[in-house]
Amino acid sequence: MKSRFASAFPSLSASPLQHELLAHAKPLSFEQETQLLSPGAEVSGIPLLISGHVRVLREDESGREILLYYIKPGESCIMSILAIRQHSPSQVLAFAAAGTELLLVPARYLSLLARSYPAWNAFVQDVYQTRFEELISVINELAFSRVDARLLDLLTTRGNLSKSPVLSITHQQLADELGTAREVVSRLLKKLEQQGQVKLGRGKIELL
């Protein structure tokens, strides 16, 4: 784990910070998609992604979801950091993809890390900046981009994350992440298939 952590988080790999993190963080791995957070739940720690990815979504009062961002290897979750700092419950849904590995840094150690390690503070600042830029991008897409463009961008992102042109995902899952209706996604996917950009199968979509 030490070498894999250093590879994913080079800015945190200097001793004794790395020793502190590896000594207190809890290693977690997921063989299938697993829900990590739900709105109103206590946030017990922040994830440091070693492999795989975590998708973070916001849910409105009607149950409609919208994708906020993906957490990739070498990254963490700003919504978890904010919840812990503000002593508030989770405001988001989070799902770890199958094959994801992470270290969960317990909330009680965050103050110690912030007081003792400038490299940790710099890492958290980078997380803030990255997520802020991604959330601005989400707002721009919702306000100005057509659903078909957002769908194709989501498919491309999913393909890059899985490192495969074949995506095991349903139309409903895509609709949930885009915050739209399944019928809209199905119609747009059919259009993309007719344009030769995707090939549709049962529970699968192949990027061409």
N, C-alpha and C. Protein backbone atom coordinates (compact mmCIF):
# COMPACT_ATOMS: atom_id res chain seq x y z
N MET A 1 0.82 -1.21 0.00
CA MET A 1 0.00 0.00 0.00
C MET A 1 0.86 1.27 0.00
N LYS A 2 2.02 1.20 0.67
CA LYS A 2 2.88 2.38 0.78
C LYS A 2 3.30 2.89 -0.59
N SER A 3 3.75 2.00 -1.47
CA SER A 3 4.22 2.42 -2.79
C SER A 3 3.05 2.90 -3.65
N ARG A 4 1.90 2.25 -3.53
CA ARG A 4 0.74 2.65 -4.32
C ARG A 4 0.20 3.99 -3.85
N PHE A 5 0.26 4.22 -2.54
CA PHE A 5 -0.15 5.53 -2.01
C PHE A 5 0.78 6.62 -2.54
N ALA A 6 2.08 6.35 -2.49
CA ALA A 6 3.05 7.34 -2.96
C ALA A 6 2.86 7.64 -4.44
N SER A 7 2.49 6.63 -5.22
CA SER A 7 2.25 6.83 -6.64
C SER A 7 1.02 7.69 -6.89
N ALA A 8 -0.05 7.47 -6.10
CA ALA A 8 -1.29 8.21 -6.28
C ALA A 8 -1.21 9.62 -5.69
N PHE A 9 -0.45 9.76 -4.59
CA PHE A 9 -0.39 11.04 -3.87
C PHE A 9 1.07 11.45 -3.63
N PRO A 10 1.79 11.81 -4.69
CA PRO A 10 3.20 12.18 -4.50
C PRO A 10 3.39 13.38 -3.58
N SER A 11 2.44 14.30 -3.56
CA SER A 11 2.59 15.49 -2.70
C SER A 11 2.42 15.16 -1.22
N LEU A 12 1.86 13.98 -0.92
CA LEU A 12 1.65 13.57 0.48
C LEU A 12 2.59 12.45 0.90
N SER A 13 3.53 12.10 0.05
CA SER A 13 4.34 10.90 0.28
C SER A 13 5.58 11.15 1.12
N ALA A 14 5.86 12.41 1.46
CA ALA A 14 7.04 12.69 2.28
C ALA A 14 6.80 12.20 3.71
N SER A 15 7.82 11.58 4.29
CA SER A 15 7.75 11.18 5.69
C SER A 15 8.00 12.43 6.54
N PRO A 16 7.30 12.63 7.69
CA PRO A 16 6.42 11.67 8.39
C PRO A 16 4.93 11.79 8.03
N LEU A 17 4.56 12.68 7.09
CA LEU A 17 3.14 12.83 6.74
C LEU A 17 2.58 11.52 6.22
N GLN A 18 3.31 10.87 5.31
CA GLN A 18 2.83 9.60 4.78
C GLN A 18 2.65 8.58 5.90
N HIS A 19 3.61 8.53 6.81
CA HIS A 19 3.50 7.59 7.94
C HIS A 19 2.26 7.90 8.77
N GLU A 20 1.99 9.17 9.01
CA GLU A 20 0.82 9.57 9.79
C GLU A 20 -0.47 9.11 9.11
N LEU A 21 -0.56 9.33 7.80
CA LEU A 21 -1.76 8.96 7.07
C LEU A 21 -1.95 7.45 7.03
N LEU A 22 -0.89 6.72 6.73
CA LEU A 22 -1.01 5.26 6.63
C LEU A 22 -1.28 4.63 7.99
N ALA A 23 -0.82 5.28 9.05
CA ALA A 23 -1.02 4.72 10.39
C ALA A 23 -2.46 4.88 10.86
N HIS A 24 -3.12 5.96 10.45
CA HIS A 24 -4.44 6.25 11.00
C HIS A 24 -5.59 6.06 10.00
N ALA A 25 -5.31 6.11 8.70
CA ALA A 25 -6.38 5.95 7.72
C ALA A 25 -6.80 4.49 7.59
N LYS A 26 -8.05 4.28 7.28
CA LYS A 26 -8.60 2.92 7.14
C LYS A 26 -8.64 2.53 5.67
N PRO A 27 -7.95 1.45 5.26
CA PRO A 27 -8.02 1.02 3.86
C PRO A 27 -9.36 0.35 3.57
N LEU A 28 -9.98 0.73 2.46
CA LEU A 28 -11.26 0.15 2.05
C LEU A 28 -11.17 -0.23 0.58
N SER A 29 -11.79 -1.34 0.23
CA SER A 29 -11.88 -1.76 -1.18
C SER A 29 -13.29 -2.28 -1.43
N PHE A 30 -13.74 -2.16 -2.68
CA PHE A 30 -15.12 -2.48 -3.02
C PHE A 30 -15.14 -3.35 -4.28
N GLU A 31 -15.71 -4.55 -4.14
CA GLU A 31 -15.80 -5.48 -5.27
C GLU A 31 -16.97 -5.16 -6.17
N GLN A 32 -17.95 -4.43 -5.66
CA GLN A 32 -19.10 -4.01 -6.46
C GLN A 32 -19.46 -2.58 -6.09
N GLU A 33 -20.28 -1.94 -6.92
CA GLU A 33 -20.64 -0.55 -6.62
C GLU A 33 -21.26 -0.46 -5.23
N THR A 34 -20.79 0.49 -4.44
CA THR A 34 -21.20 0.61 -3.05
C THR A 34 -21.49 2.06 -2.71
N GLN A 35 -22.62 2.29 -2.04
CA GLN A 35 -22.95 3.65 -1.61
C GLN A 35 -22.13 4.01 -0.38
N LEU A 36 -21.46 5.15 -0.45
CA LEU A 36 -20.62 5.61 0.65
C LEU A 36 -21.30 6.67 1.50
N LEU A 37 -22.08 7.55 0.87
CA LEU A 37 -22.72 8.64 1.58
C LEU A 37 -24.14 8.83 1.07
N SER A 38 -24.99 9.36 1.94
CA SER A 38 -26.34 9.77 1.56
C SER A 38 -26.65 11.08 2.27
N PRO A 39 -27.57 11.88 1.74
CA PRO A 39 -27.90 13.15 2.39
C PRO A 39 -28.37 12.94 3.84
N GLY A 40 -27.81 13.72 4.75
CA GLY A 40 -28.18 13.61 6.15
C GLY A 40 -27.31 12.67 6.96
N ALA A 41 -26.48 11.88 6.29
CA ALA A 41 -25.62 10.93 6.99
C ALA A 41 -24.41 11.63 7.60
N GLU A 42 -23.89 11.06 8.67
CA GLU A 42 -22.67 11.59 9.28
C GLU A 42 -21.47 11.31 8.37
N VAL A 43 -20.60 12.28 8.24
CA VAL A 43 -19.37 12.11 7.45
C VAL A 43 -18.25 11.77 8.43
N SER A 44 -17.81 10.52 8.41
CA SER A 44 -16.85 10.04 9.40
C SER A 44 -15.39 10.26 9.00
N GLY A 45 -15.16 10.59 7.72
CA GLY A 45 -13.79 10.79 7.27
C GLY A 45 -13.77 11.25 5.83
N ILE A 46 -12.58 11.49 5.31
CA ILE A 46 -12.46 11.88 3.91
C ILE A 46 -11.68 10.81 3.15
N PRO A 47 -12.09 10.54 1.91
CA PRO A 47 -11.44 9.49 1.14
C PRO A 47 -10.22 10.00 0.38
N LEU A 48 -9.19 9.17 0.33
CA LEU A 48 -8.05 9.40 -0.55
C LEU A 48 -8.04 8.25 -1.54
N LEU A 49 -8.35 8.55 -2.81
CA LEU A 49 -8.55 7.50 -3.82
C LEU A 49 -7.22 6.92 -4.31
N ILE A 50 -7.09 5.62 -4.19
CA ILE A 50 -5.91 4.91 -4.69
C ILE A 50 -6.16 4.37 -6.10
N SER A 51 -7.34 3.80 -6.31
CA SER A 51 -7.71 3.27 -7.64
C SER A 51 -9.22 3.33 -7.78
N GLY A 52 -9.69 3.17 -9.05
CA GLY A 52 -11.12 3.23 -9.30
C GLY A 52 -11.62 4.66 -9.32
N HIS A 53 -12.90 4.85 -9.00
CA HIS A 53 -13.46 6.20 -8.92
C HIS A 53 -14.72 6.21 -8.06
N VAL A 54 -15.07 7.38 -7.59
CA VAL A 54 -16.29 7.61 -6.81
C VAL A 54 -17.07 8.72 -7.50
N ARG A 55 -18.37 8.49 -7.72
CA ARG A 55 -19.19 9.56 -8.29
C ARG A 55 -19.99 10.22 -7.18
N VAL A 56 -20.04 11.53 -7.23
CA VAL A 56 -20.71 12.34 -6.21
C VAL A 56 -21.88 13.07 -6.86
N LEU A 57 -23.06 12.91 -6.26
CA LEU A 57 -24.28 13.47 -6.83
C LEU A 57 -25.03 14.28 -5.79
N ARG A 58 -25.89 15.19 -6.26
CA ARG A 58 -26.80 15.94 -5.39
C ARG A 58 -28.22 15.49 -5.72
N GLU A 59 -29.04 15.35 -4.69
CA GLU A 59 -30.42 14.90 -4.85
C GLU A 59 -31.37 15.99 -4.36
N ASP A 60 -32.41 16.32 -5.18
CA ASP A 60 -33.37 17.32 -4.74
C ASP A 60 -34.51 16.67 -3.96
N GLU A 61 -35.48 17.47 -3.54
CA GLU A 61 -36.55 16.97 -2.69
C GLU A 61 -37.42 15.94 -3.39
N SER A 62 -37.47 15.99 -4.70
CA SER A 62 -38.29 15.03 -5.46
C SER A 62 -37.54 13.73 -5.74
N GLY A 63 -36.27 13.67 -5.36
CA GLY A 63 -35.47 12.47 -5.61
C GLY A 63 -34.67 12.51 -6.89
N ARG A 64 -34.77 13.61 -7.64
CA ARG A 64 -34.00 13.73 -8.88
C ARG A 64 -32.54 14.00 -8.55
N GLU A 65 -31.64 13.32 -9.26
CA GLU A 65 -30.22 13.43 -8.99
C GLU A 65 -29.50 14.15 -10.12
N ILE A 66 -28.37 14.75 -9.77
CA ILE A 66 -27.51 15.38 -10.78
C ILE A 66 -26.06 15.11 -10.38
N LEU A 67 -25.26 14.71 -11.36
CA LEU A 67 -23.85 14.42 -11.11
C LEU A 67 -23.09 15.72 -10.84
N LEU A 68 -22.34 15.76 -9.75
CA LEU A 68 -21.50 16.91 -9.44
C LEU A 68 -20.08 16.71 -9.95
N TYR A 69 -19.47 15.59 -9.61
CA TYR A 69 -18.11 15.31 -10.07
C TYR A 69 -17.73 13.87 -9.77
N TYR A 70 -16.64 13.44 -10.38
CA TYR A 70 -16.03 12.14 -10.08
C TYR A 70 -14.77 12.38 -9.26
N ILE A 71 -14.54 11.52 -8.28
CA ILE A 71 -13.26 11.51 -7.55
C ILE A 71 -12.40 10.42 -8.17
N LYS A 72 -11.22 10.78 -8.62
CA LYS A 72 -10.32 9.86 -9.31
C LYS A 72 -9.08 9.61 -8.45
N PRO A 73 -8.25 8.62 -8.83
CA PRO A 73 -7.03 8.35 -8.06
C PRO A 73 -6.19 9.61 -7.87
N GLY A 74 -5.71 9.80 -6.64
CA GLY A 74 -4.94 11.00 -6.33
C GLY A 74 -5.78 12.17 -5.88
N GLU A 75 -7.10 11.96 -5.75
CA GLU A 75 -8.01 13.04 -5.39
C GLU A 75 -8.79 12.70 -4.12
N SER A 76 -9.55 13.69 -3.64
CA SER A 76 -10.40 13.50 -2.47
C SER A 76 -11.72 14.23 -2.69
N CYS A 77 -12.55 14.27 -1.65
CA CYS A 77 -13.91 14.80 -1.76
C CYS A 77 -14.06 16.09 -0.97
N ILE A 78 -14.24 17.20 -1.67
CA ILE A 78 -14.36 18.48 -1.00
C ILE A 78 -15.63 18.58 -0.18
N MET A 79 -16.71 17.91 -0.61
CA MET A 79 -17.96 17.97 0.14
C MET A 79 -17.81 17.29 1.51
N SER A 80 -17.00 16.25 1.57
CA SER A 80 -16.74 15.59 2.85
C SER A 80 -15.88 16.49 3.75
N ILE A 81 -14.88 17.13 3.17
CA ILE A 81 -14.04 18.05 3.94
C ILE A 81 -14.87 19.18 4.52
N LEU A 82 -15.75 19.76 3.71
CA LEU A 82 -16.60 20.86 4.17
C LEU A 82 -17.54 20.41 5.28
N ALA A 83 -18.14 19.24 5.11
CA ALA A 83 -19.08 18.74 6.12
C ALA A 83 -18.38 18.55 7.47
N ILE A 84 -17.17 18.01 7.44
CA ILE A 84 -16.43 17.79 8.68
C ILE A 84 -16.03 19.12 9.32
N ARG A 85 -15.56 20.05 8.52
CA ARG A 85 -15.14 21.35 9.06
C ARG A 85 -16.32 22.11 9.66
N GLN A 86 -17.50 21.97 9.05
CA GLN A 86 -18.68 22.70 9.51
C GLN A 86 -19.52 21.89 10.50
N HIS A 87 -19.05 20.67 10.84
CA HIS A 87 -19.78 19.79 11.76
C HIS A 87 -21.22 19.59 11.30
N SER A 88 -21.37 19.36 10.01
CA SER A 88 -22.70 19.19 9.42
C SER A 88 -22.79 17.83 8.73
N PRO A 89 -24.01 17.33 8.51
CA PRO A 89 -24.17 16.04 7.83
C PRO A 89 -23.89 16.16 6.34
N SER A 90 -23.82 15.02 5.69
CA SER A 90 -23.58 14.99 4.25
C SER A 90 -24.72 15.67 3.49
N GLN A 91 -24.35 16.38 2.44
CA GLN A 91 -25.33 17.00 1.55
C GLN A 91 -25.41 16.28 0.20
N VAL A 92 -24.66 15.19 0.07
CA VAL A 92 -24.54 14.54 -1.24
C VAL A 92 -24.69 13.03 -1.13
N LEU A 93 -24.89 12.43 -2.31
CA LEU A 93 -24.79 10.98 -2.48
C LEU A 93 -23.40 10.68 -3.02
N ALA A 94 -22.82 9.56 -2.61
CA ALA A 94 -21.53 9.15 -3.15
C ALA A 94 -21.52 7.64 -3.34
N PHE A 95 -21.05 7.20 -4.51
CA PHE A 95 -21.00 5.77 -4.85
C PHE A 95 -19.60 5.41 -5.32
N ALA A 96 -19.01 4.41 -4.69
CA ALA A 96 -17.72 3.88 -5.14
C ALA A 96 -17.97 2.84 -6.22
N ALA A 97 -17.25 2.95 -7.33
CA ALA A 97 -17.38 1.98 -8.42
C ALA A 97 -16.72 0.67 -8.02
N ALA A 98 -17.12 -0.41 -8.69
CA ALA A 98 -16.49 -1.71 -8.46
C ALA A 98 -15.00 -1.61 -8.74
N GLY A 99 -14.19 -2.19 -7.87
CA GLY A 99 -12.74 -2.14 -8.03
C GLY A 99 -12.07 -0.93 -7.41
N THR A 100 -12.84 -0.10 -6.73
CA THR A 100 -12.28 1.10 -6.10
C THR A 100 -11.55 0.76 -4.80
N GLU A 101 -10.40 1.37 -4.61
CA GLU A 101 -9.64 1.26 -3.36
C GLU A 101 -9.36 2.67 -2.85
N LEU A 102 -9.48 2.84 -1.55
CA LEU A 102 -9.23 4.15 -0.97
C LEU A 102 -8.75 4.03 0.47
N LEU A 103 -8.21 5.12 0.95
CA LEU A 103 -7.90 5.26 2.37
C LEU A 103 -8.87 6.28 2.95
N LEU A 104 -9.54 5.93 4.05
CA LEU A 104 -10.47 6.85 4.69
C LEU A 104 -9.78 7.46 5.91
N VAL A 105 -9.51 8.77 5.82
CA VAL A 105 -8.86 9.48 6.92
C VAL A 105 -9.93 9.91 7.92
N PRO A 106 -9.89 9.39 9.16
CA PRO A 106 -10.92 9.73 10.15
C PRO A 106 -11.00 11.23 10.42
N ALA A 107 -12.21 11.70 10.63
CA ALA A 107 -12.44 13.13 10.83
C ALA A 107 -11.63 13.68 12.01
N ARG A 108 -11.44 12.88 13.05
CA ARG A 108 -10.77 13.38 14.26
C ARG A 108 -9.30 13.72 14.04
N TYR A 109 -8.71 13.25 12.93
CA TYR A 109 -7.30 13.52 12.67
C TYR A 109 -7.07 14.74 11.78
N LEU A 110 -8.15 15.30 11.22
CA LEU A 110 -7.96 16.37 10.24
C LEU A 110 -7.37 17.63 10.86
N SER A 111 -7.77 17.96 12.08
CA SER A 111 -7.21 19.15 12.74
C SER A 111 -5.72 18.99 12.98
N LEU A 112 -5.31 17.79 13.41
CA LEU A 112 -3.90 17.52 13.63
C LEU A 112 -3.11 17.66 12.34
N LEU A 113 -3.63 17.11 11.25
CA LEU A 113 -2.95 17.21 9.96
C LEU A 113 -2.82 18.66 9.53
N ALA A 114 -3.88 19.44 9.72
CA ALA A 114 -3.87 20.84 9.32
C ALA A 114 -2.86 21.65 10.13
N ARG A 115 -2.72 21.33 11.42
CA ARG A 115 -1.79 22.07 12.28
C ARG A 115 -0.33 21.69 12.03
N SER A 116 -0.11 20.46 11.63
CA SER A 116 1.26 19.92 11.63
C SER A 116 1.92 19.83 10.26
N TYR A 117 1.13 19.80 9.18
CA TYR A 117 1.72 19.47 7.89
C TYR A 117 1.28 20.47 6.80
N PRO A 118 2.15 21.40 6.42
CA PRO A 118 1.83 22.33 5.33
C PRO A 118 1.47 21.61 4.03
N ALA A 119 2.10 20.47 3.77
CA ALA A 119 1.81 19.73 2.54
C ALA A 119 0.35 19.27 2.51
N TRP A 120 -0.18 18.92 3.68
CA TRP A 120 -1.59 18.53 3.75
C TRP A 120 -2.50 19.72 3.43
N ASN A 121 -2.20 20.88 3.98
CA ASN A 121 -3.00 22.08 3.71
C ASN A 121 -2.95 22.45 2.23
N ALA A 122 -1.78 22.30 1.62
CA ALA A 122 -1.65 22.59 0.19
C ALA A 122 -2.49 21.61 -0.62
N PHE A 123 -2.50 20.35 -0.22
CA PHE A 123 -3.32 19.34 -0.91
C PHE A 123 -4.80 19.70 -0.81
N VAL A 124 -5.27 20.05 0.38
CA VAL A 124 -6.68 20.41 0.57
C VAL A 124 -7.03 21.63 -0.28
N GLN A 125 -6.13 22.61 -0.35
CA GLN A 125 -6.36 23.79 -1.17
C GLN A 125 -6.49 23.42 -2.63
N ASP A 126 -5.67 22.49 -3.09
CA ASP A 126 -5.76 22.02 -4.48
C ASP A 126 -7.10 21.33 -4.73
N VAL A 127 -7.58 20.56 -3.73
CA VAL A 127 -8.88 19.91 -3.87
C VAL A 127 -9.98 20.96 -4.00
N TYR A 128 -9.93 22.00 -3.17
CA TYR A 128 -10.91 23.09 -3.26
C TYR A 128 -10.93 23.69 -4.66
N GLN A 129 -9.75 24.02 -5.17
CA GLN A 129 -9.67 24.68 -6.47
C GLN A 129 -10.20 23.79 -7.59
N THR A 130 -9.78 22.52 -7.57
CA THR A 130 -10.21 21.58 -8.62
C THR A 130 -11.71 21.40 -8.61
N ARG A 131 -12.28 21.18 -7.43
CA ARG A 131 -13.73 20.94 -7.35
C ARG A 131 -14.52 22.20 -7.68
N PHE A 132 -14.01 23.37 -7.28
CA PHE A 132 -14.69 24.62 -7.61
C PHE A 132 -14.79 24.78 -9.12
N GLU A 133 -13.69 24.52 -9.81
CA GLU A 133 -13.69 24.63 -11.27
C GLU A 133 -14.65 23.62 -11.89
N GLU A 134 -14.70 22.40 -11.34
CA GLU A 134 -15.60 21.39 -11.88
C GLU A 134 -17.06 21.75 -11.64
N LEU A 135 -17.37 22.32 -10.47
CA LEU A 135 -18.74 22.70 -10.18
C LEU A 135 -19.18 23.88 -11.06
N ILE A 136 -18.28 24.80 -11.34
CA ILE A 136 -18.59 25.88 -12.28
C ILE A 136 -18.89 25.30 -13.65
N SER A 137 -18.12 24.28 -14.05
CA SER A 137 -18.36 23.61 -15.33
C SER A 137 -19.74 22.96 -15.35
N VAL A 138 -20.13 22.32 -14.23
CA VAL A 138 -21.46 21.71 -14.15
C VAL A 138 -22.55 22.76 -14.31
N ILE A 139 -22.39 23.89 -13.64
CA ILE A 139 -23.38 24.97 -13.74
C ILE A 139 -23.47 25.47 -15.18
N ASN A 140 -22.33 25.66 -15.82
CA ASN A 140 -22.32 26.11 -17.21
C ASN A 140 -23.02 25.12 -18.13
N GLU A 141 -22.76 23.83 -17.91
CA GLU A 141 -23.39 22.81 -18.74
C GLU A 141 -24.90 22.80 -18.55
N LEU A 142 -25.35 22.90 -17.31
CA LEU A 142 -26.78 22.90 -17.04
C LEU A 142 -27.45 24.12 -17.65
N ALA A 143 -26.75 25.26 -17.61
CA ALA A 143 -27.34 26.50 -18.08
C ALA A 143 -27.26 26.66 -19.60
N PHE A 144 -26.17 26.18 -20.20
CA PHE A 144 -25.92 26.54 -21.59
C PHE A 144 -25.77 25.36 -22.56
N SER A 145 -25.51 24.15 -22.06
CA SER A 145 -25.26 23.03 -22.97
C SER A 145 -26.52 22.22 -23.21
N ARG A 146 -26.65 21.70 -24.41
CA ARG A 146 -27.78 20.83 -24.73
C ARG A 146 -27.56 19.48 -24.08
N VAL A 147 -28.66 18.77 -23.84
CA VAL A 147 -28.58 17.48 -23.17
C VAL A 147 -27.78 16.49 -23.99
N ASP A 148 -27.90 16.53 -25.32
CA ASP A 148 -27.17 15.56 -26.14
C ASP A 148 -25.66 15.75 -26.01
N ALA A 149 -25.21 17.01 -25.91
CA ALA A 149 -23.78 17.27 -25.73
C ALA A 149 -23.31 16.81 -24.35
N ARG A 150 -24.14 17.03 -23.34
CA ARG A 150 -23.80 16.59 -21.99
C ARG A 150 -23.76 15.07 -21.91
N LEU A 151 -24.68 14.41 -22.61
CA LEU A 151 -24.71 12.94 -22.63
C LEU A 151 -23.45 12.38 -23.26
N LEU A 152 -23.05 12.92 -24.39
CA LEU A 152 -21.85 12.42 -25.07
C LEU A 152 -20.61 12.67 -24.21
N ASP A 153 -20.57 13.82 -23.55
CA ASP A 153 -19.44 14.12 -22.66
C ASP A 153 -19.40 13.15 -21.49
N LEU A 154 -20.57 12.81 -20.94
CA LEU A 154 -20.63 11.86 -19.83
C LEU A 154 -20.18 10.47 -20.27
N LEU A 155 -20.61 10.04 -21.46
CA LEU A 155 -20.18 8.74 -21.97
C LEU A 155 -18.67 8.69 -22.16
N THR A 156 -18.11 9.77 -22.68
CA THR A 156 -16.66 9.84 -22.88
C THR A 156 -15.93 9.79 -21.55
N THR A 157 -16.43 10.53 -20.57
CA THR A 157 -15.83 10.51 -19.23
C THR A 157 -15.88 9.12 -18.62
N ARG A 158 -17.03 8.48 -18.75
CA ARG A 158 -17.19 7.11 -18.23
C ARG A 158 -16.20 6.16 -18.90
N GLY A 159 -16.05 6.29 -20.21
CA GLY A 159 -15.12 5.44 -20.94
C GLY A 159 -13.68 5.65 -20.49
N ASN A 160 -13.31 6.90 -20.26
CA ASN A 160 -11.96 7.20 -19.79
C ASN A 160 -11.71 6.63 -18.39
N LEU A 161 -12.73 6.72 -17.53
CA LEU A 161 -12.58 6.22 -16.17
C LEU A 161 -12.43 4.70 -16.14
N SER A 162 -13.22 4.02 -16.98
CA SER A 162 -13.19 2.55 -16.99
C SER A 162 -12.10 2.00 -17.90
N LYS A 163 -11.48 2.90 -18.70
CA LYS A 163 -10.44 2.50 -19.65
C LYS A 163 -10.95 1.42 -20.61
N SER A 164 -12.22 1.56 -20.99
CA SER A 164 -12.85 0.61 -21.91
C SER A 164 -13.91 1.34 -22.72
N PRO A 165 -14.03 0.99 -24.03
CA PRO A 165 -15.08 1.61 -24.85
C PRO A 165 -16.46 1.02 -24.58
N VAL A 166 -16.52 -0.09 -23.84
CA VAL A 166 -17.80 -0.73 -23.54
C VAL A 166 -18.21 -0.38 -22.11
N LEU A 167 -19.33 0.31 -21.97
CA LEU A 167 -19.80 0.77 -20.67
C LEU A 167 -20.96 -0.09 -20.20
N SER A 168 -20.86 -0.63 -19.00
CA SER A 168 -21.95 -1.39 -18.40
C SER A 168 -22.80 -0.41 -17.59
N ILE A 169 -23.79 0.16 -18.24
CA ILE A 169 -24.61 1.20 -17.60
C ILE A 169 -25.98 1.23 -18.26
N THR A 170 -26.99 1.53 -17.48
CA THR A 170 -28.36 1.58 -18.00
C THR A 170 -28.73 3.00 -18.40
N HIS A 171 -29.79 3.09 -19.20
CA HIS A 171 -30.29 4.41 -19.59
C HIS A 171 -30.74 5.19 -18.36
N GLN A 172 -31.32 4.50 -17.37
CA GLN A 172 -31.79 5.18 -16.16
C GLN A 172 -30.62 5.75 -15.37
N GLN A 173 -29.51 5.02 -15.29
CA GLN A 173 -28.35 5.53 -14.57
C GLN A 173 -27.80 6.79 -15.22
N LEU A 174 -27.76 6.80 -16.54
CA LEU A 174 -27.31 7.99 -17.26
C LEU A 174 -28.26 9.15 -17.02
N ALA A 175 -29.56 8.86 -17.05
CA ALA A 175 -30.56 9.90 -16.81
C ALA A 175 -30.40 10.50 -15.42
N ASP A 176 -30.14 9.64 -14.44
CA ASP A 176 -29.95 10.12 -13.06
C ASP A 176 -28.76 11.06 -12.96
N GLU A 177 -27.66 10.70 -13.61
CA GLU A 177 -26.46 11.53 -13.53
C GLU A 177 -26.62 12.85 -14.27
N LEU A 178 -27.45 12.84 -15.31
CA LEU A 178 -27.67 14.06 -16.09
C LEU A 178 -28.82 14.89 -15.53
N GLY A 179 -29.61 14.31 -14.62
CA GLY A 179 -30.75 15.03 -14.07
C GLY A 179 -31.87 15.21 -15.07
N THR A 180 -32.11 14.19 -15.90
CA THR A 180 -33.17 14.26 -16.90
C THR A 180 -33.95 12.96 -16.89
N ALA A 181 -34.90 12.82 -17.81
CA ALA A 181 -35.76 11.63 -17.85
C ALA A 181 -35.11 10.52 -18.66
N ARG A 182 -35.41 9.27 -18.29
CA ARG A 182 -34.87 8.11 -19.00
C ARG A 182 -35.27 8.13 -20.46
N GLU A 183 -36.51 8.55 -20.74
CA GLU A 183 -36.98 8.58 -22.12
C GLU A 183 -36.15 9.53 -22.98
N VAL A 184 -35.72 10.63 -22.38
CA VAL A 184 -34.88 11.59 -23.11
C VAL A 184 -33.54 10.96 -23.45
N VAL A 185 -32.94 10.27 -22.48
CA VAL A 185 -31.65 9.62 -22.71
C VAL A 185 -31.77 8.53 -23.75
N SER A 186 -32.82 7.72 -23.69
CA SER A 186 -33.01 6.64 -24.66
C SER A 186 -33.14 7.19 -26.07
N ARG A 187 -33.88 8.28 -26.21
CA ARG A 187 -34.06 8.89 -27.53
C ARG A 187 -32.73 9.43 -28.06
N LEU A 188 -31.97 10.08 -27.20
CA LEU A 188 -30.69 10.65 -27.63
C LEU A 188 -29.66 9.57 -27.94
N LEU A 189 -29.68 8.48 -27.17
CA LEU A 189 -28.76 7.37 -27.45
C LEU A 189 -29.08 6.73 -28.80
N LYS A 190 -30.35 6.60 -29.10
CA LYS A 190 -30.75 6.06 -30.40
C LYS A 190 -30.25 6.96 -31.53
N LYS A 191 -30.32 8.26 -31.31
CA LYS A 191 -29.83 9.21 -32.30
C LYS A 191 -28.32 9.08 -32.46
N LEU A 192 -27.60 8.93 -31.35
CA LEU A 192 -26.15 8.76 -31.42
C LEU A 192 -25.78 7.46 -32.13
N GLU A 193 -26.60 6.42 -31.92
CA GLU A 193 -26.35 5.15 -32.61
C GLU A 193 -26.56 5.31 -34.11
N GLN A 194 -27.58 6.02 -34.51
CA GLN A 194 -27.84 6.26 -35.92
C GLN A 194 -26.72 7.08 -36.56
N GLN A 195 -26.07 7.92 -35.76
CA GLN A 195 -24.96 8.73 -36.25
C GLN A 195 -23.63 7.96 -36.24
N GLY A 196 -23.67 6.72 -35.74
CA GLY A 196 -22.47 5.90 -35.72
C GLY A 196 -21.50 6.22 -34.60
N GLN A 197 -21.99 6.88 -33.54
CA GLN A 197 -21.10 7.24 -32.44
C GLN A 197 -21.12 6.23 -31.30
N VAL A 198 -22.21 5.46 -31.19
CA VAL A 198 -22.31 4.43 -30.16
C VAL A 198 -23.02 3.21 -30.74
N LYS A 199 -22.87 2.09 -30.03
CA LYS A 199 -23.61 0.87 -30.34
C LYS A 199 -24.30 0.43 -29.07
N LEU A 200 -25.62 0.26 -29.14
CA LEU A 200 -26.42 -0.04 -27.96
C LEU A 200 -26.63 -1.53 -27.79
N GLY A 201 -26.58 -2.00 -26.54
CA GLY A 201 -26.88 -3.38 -26.19
C GLY A 201 -27.64 -3.40 -24.89
N ARG A 202 -28.02 -4.59 -24.42
CA ARG A 202 -28.78 -4.70 -23.18
C ARG A 202 -27.87 -4.39 -21.98
N GLY A 203 -28.12 -3.25 -21.35
CA GLY A 203 -27.32 -2.85 -20.20
C GLY A 203 -25.91 -2.42 -20.55
N LYS A 204 -25.62 -2.25 -21.85
CA LYS A 204 -24.28 -1.86 -22.27
C LYS A 204 -24.34 -0.85 -23.40
N ILE A 205 -23.33 -0.01 -23.45
CA ILE A 205 -23.18 0.97 -24.53
C ILE A 205 -21.72 0.95 -24.97
N GLU A 206 -21.51 0.77 -26.26
CA GLU A 206 -20.14 0.75 -26.80
C GLU A 206 -19.86 2.05 -27.51
N LEU A 207 -18.76 2.70 -27.14
CA LEU A 207 -18.34 3.93 -27.80
C LEU A 207 -17.56 3.57 -29.06
N LEU A 208 -17.95 4.16 -30.18
CA LEU A 208 -17.31 3.84 -31.46
C LEU A 208 -16.35 4.95 -31.89
